Amino acid sequence: MSEMDQVLFCIRCGTRLERRFLHGQERPVCPACGWIFFADPKVAAGVIVEDNGRVLLVRRINEPGRGLWSFPAGFVNALEDPARAAERECLEETGLEVEVTGLLGVISGREHQYGADIVIYYGASVVGGSMAPGDDADQVDFFRRDELPPLAFKATRIALGLPAEIK
């Protein structure tokens, strides 16, 4: 079931929504107040932190990808600057305070039903904190690129400059 099919009532007035063709596609619309539901993309942001040729990764404790590794990342909150979200997520997952040094790339395409439609990833440098896993990670470590652990997502592989698919 798509997001569009799950929205049944108007968030403004509570009236049952109708489906109308508007702005290029069928959308839920309130017949009473005119509110239109637009499904917004989920956006995630993360950081690639390197130290002496090694890259910072976290091991996931939640599905999908439980037990697999990813760069520190998470969802961007409404009205939050994506670079600040990436720094926040890194602190939450690794205990390390980082400063974004530049945009590295943007990846599109939702990999699983709970994932982001857009992943923005930045280069970052450690500026403080103490490395310790937190939030949805149970391990955090730096890895040489030729000794990477099993990775959780295609987006992680792309961000690390690896082929998107495992051969």
Protein backbone atom coordinates (compact mmCIF):
# COMPACT_ATOMS: atom_id res chain seq x y z
CA MET A 1 0.00 0.00 0.00
CA SER A 2 1.45 3.37 -1.00
CA GLU A 3 1.57 6.47 1.22
CA MET A 4 -1.15 7.97 -0.96
CA ASP A 5 -3.48 5.04 -0.12
CA GLN A 6 -2.82 5.29 3.62
CA VAL A 7 -3.98 8.91 3.98
CA LEU A 8 -7.74 8.73 4.45
CA PHE A 9 -8.74 11.86 6.39
CA CYS A 10 -7.87 15.55 6.17
CA ILE A 11 -5.30 16.65 8.75
CA ARG A 12 -6.93 20.10 8.89
CA CYS A 13 -10.65 19.39 9.27
CA GLY A 14 -11.01 15.58 9.57
CA THR A 15 -13.17 15.11 6.47
CA ARG A 16 -12.75 11.86 4.53
CA LEU A 17 -10.52 12.52 1.51
CA GLU A 18 -11.44 12.00 -2.13
CA ARG A 19 -9.04 11.10 -4.91
CA ARG A 20 -8.67 13.63 -7.72
CA PHE A 21 -6.27 14.04 -10.59
CA LEU A 22 -4.24 17.18 -9.71
CA HIS A 23 -0.75 18.39 -10.54
CA GLY A 24 -0.02 15.47 -12.84
CA GLN A 25 -1.27 12.55 -10.75
CA GLU A 26 -4.09 11.24 -8.62
CA ARG A 27 -3.92 12.66 -5.07
CA PRO A 28 -5.98 12.61 -1.86
CA VAL A 29 -7.93 15.90 -1.63
CA CYS A 30 -10.28 17.23 1.04
CA PRO A 31 -13.69 18.07 -0.47
CA ALA A 32 -14.48 20.37 2.49
CA CYS A 33 -11.41 22.63 2.85
CA GLY A 34 -9.42 21.85 -0.33
CA TRP A 35 -6.28 20.53 1.43
CA ILE A 36 -4.18 18.36 -0.91
CA PHE A 37 -1.87 15.58 0.32
CA PHE A 38 1.58 15.65 -1.28
CA ALA A 39 3.84 12.74 -0.29
CA ASP A 40 7.20 14.30 0.49
CA PRO A 41 10.42 12.34 -0.04
CA LYS A 42 12.29 11.03 2.97
CA VAL A 43 15.73 12.60 3.15
CA ALA A 44 18.72 11.18 5.03
CA ALA A 45 22.13 12.73 5.57
CA GLY A 46 25.41 11.22 6.66
CA VAL A 47 29.14 11.70 6.83
CA ILE A 48 32.23 10.06 5.43
CA VAL A 49 34.95 10.57 8.04
CA GLU A 50 38.46 9.46 7.16
CA ASP A 51 41.49 9.19 9.41
CA ASN A 52 44.89 7.95 8.22
CA GLY A 53 43.37 6.14 5.24
CA ARG A 54 40.62 4.55 7.31
CA VAL A 55 36.87 5.30 7.12
CA LEU A 56 34.46 5.55 10.05
CA LEU A 57 31.61 3.01 10.05
CA VAL A 58 28.89 1.93 12.47
CA ARG A 59 27.32 -1.50 12.90
CA ARG A 60 23.52 -1.42 12.77
CA ILE A 61 21.36 -2.90 15.53
CA ASN A 62 18.07 -2.48 13.65
CA GLU A 63 16.60 -4.01 10.52
CA PRO A 64 17.13 -3.70 7.72
CA GLY A 65 20.79 -4.53 7.74
CA ARG A 66 21.11 -5.55 11.37
CA GLY A 67 24.71 -6.59 12.06
CA LEU A 68 25.96 -4.93 8.88
CA TRP A 69 27.96 -1.70 8.61
CA SER A 70 27.18 1.74 7.24
CA PHE A 71 28.55 5.25 7.35
CA PRO A 72 26.94 7.34 10.15
CA ALA A 73 23.65 8.68 8.78
CA GLY A 74 20.00 9.23 9.54
CA PHE A 75 16.88 11.14 8.65
CA VAL A 76 16.83 14.90 8.29
CA ASN A 77 14.18 16.54 10.47
CA ALA A 78 11.75 19.10 9.04
CA LEU A 79 13.42 22.54 8.78
CA GLU A 80 16.84 21.04 9.67
CA ASP A 81 19.90 21.85 7.57
CA PRO A 82 21.04 18.50 6.07
CA ALA A 83 24.70 19.19 6.97
CA ARG A 84 23.74 19.78 10.61
CA ALA A 85 21.60 16.61 10.51
CA ALA A 86 24.63 14.65 9.28
CA GLU A 87 26.76 16.05 12.13
CA ARG A 88 23.99 15.27 14.66
CA GLU A 89 23.57 11.72 13.42
CA CYS A 90 27.31 11.10 13.62
CA LEU A 91 27.40 12.30 17.24
CA GLU A 92 24.37 10.16 18.15
CA GLU A 93 25.78 7.00 16.54
CA THR A 94 29.51 7.34 17.25
CA GLY A 95 30.04 9.77 20.14
CA LEU A 96 32.26 11.84 17.84
CA GLU A 97 31.63 15.50 17.13
CA VAL A 98 32.33 16.23 13.49
CA GLU A 99 32.35 19.25 11.26
CA VAL A 100 31.16 18.93 7.67
CA THR A 101 33.91 19.91 5.24
CA GLY A 102 31.98 19.60 1.98
CA LEU A 103 29.29 17.88 0.00
CA LEU A 104 30.44 14.57 -1.50
CA GLY A 105 27.29 13.42 -3.24
CA VAL A 106 23.57 12.74 -3.42
CA ILE A 107 22.08 9.29 -3.98
CA SER A 108 18.47 8.74 -5.02
CA GLY A 109 16.29 5.68 -4.85
CA ARG A 110 14.66 4.07 -1.81
CA GLU A 111 16.39 0.75 -1.03
CA HIS A 112 13.73 -0.55 1.36
CA GLN A 113 10.29 0.52 2.59
CA TYR A 114 11.63 2.36 5.66
CA GLY A 115 14.54 3.99 3.86
CA ALA A 116 15.25 7.40 2.46
CA ASP A 117 14.40 8.44 -1.07
CA ILE A 118 17.38 10.80 -1.08
CA VAL A 119 20.69 10.32 0.79
CA ILE A 120 23.00 13.32 1.04
CA TYR A 121 26.52 12.53 2.18
CA TYR A 122 29.26 14.89 3.25
CA GLY A 123 32.94 14.72 4.03
CA ALA A 124 33.59 15.55 7.68
CA SER A 125 36.43 15.88 10.18
CA VAL A 126 36.43 14.91 13.85
CA VAL A 127 36.52 17.99 16.11
CA GLY A 128 35.75 16.41 19.50
CA GLY A 129 33.95 13.75 21.47
CA SER A 130 34.88 10.20 22.41
CA MET A 131 34.22 7.26 20.14
CA ALA A 132 31.46 5.06 21.56
CA PRO A 133 28.48 3.43 19.82
CA GLY A 134 25.05 4.88 20.48
CA ASP A 135 21.52 5.31 19.16
CA ASP A 136 21.00 2.55 16.57
CA ALA A 137 24.63 1.32 16.45
CA ASP A 138 26.30 -1.26 18.68
CA GLN A 139 29.81 -0.88 17.30
CA VAL A 140 31.82 1.93 15.76
CA ASP A 141 35.28 1.73 14.26
CA PHE A 142 37.61 2.96 11.53
CA PHE A 143 38.40 0.53 8.70
CA ARG A 144 40.93 0.50 5.92
CA ARG A 145 39.17 0.53 2.57
CA ASP A 146 40.77 -2.80 1.64
CA GLU A 147 39.47 -4.41 4.88
CA LEU A 148 35.86 -3.22 5.02
CA PRO A 149 33.32 -5.29 6.98
CA PRO A 150 30.05 -6.45 5.37
CA LEU A 151 28.14 -3.32 4.31
CA ALA A 152 24.41 -2.76 4.84
CA PHE A 153 23.32 -0.67 1.89
CA LYS A 154 23.95 0.12 -1.75
CA ALA A 155 24.17 3.81 -0.70
CA THR A 156 27.06 2.97 1.63
CA ARG A 157 28.89 1.19 -1.18
CA ILE A 158 28.34 4.12 -3.55
CA ALA A 159 29.44 6.69 -0.95
CA LEU A 160 32.64 4.71 -0.38
CA GLY A 161 33.34 4.58 -4.11
CA LEU A 162 32.59 0.87 -4.46
CA PRO A 163 30.43 -0.81 -7.09
CA ALA A 164 26.77 -0.48 -6.08
CA GLU A 165 26.17 -4.21 -6.37
CA ILE A 166 28.26 -6.94 -4.77
CA LYS A 167 29.74 -9.18 -7.44
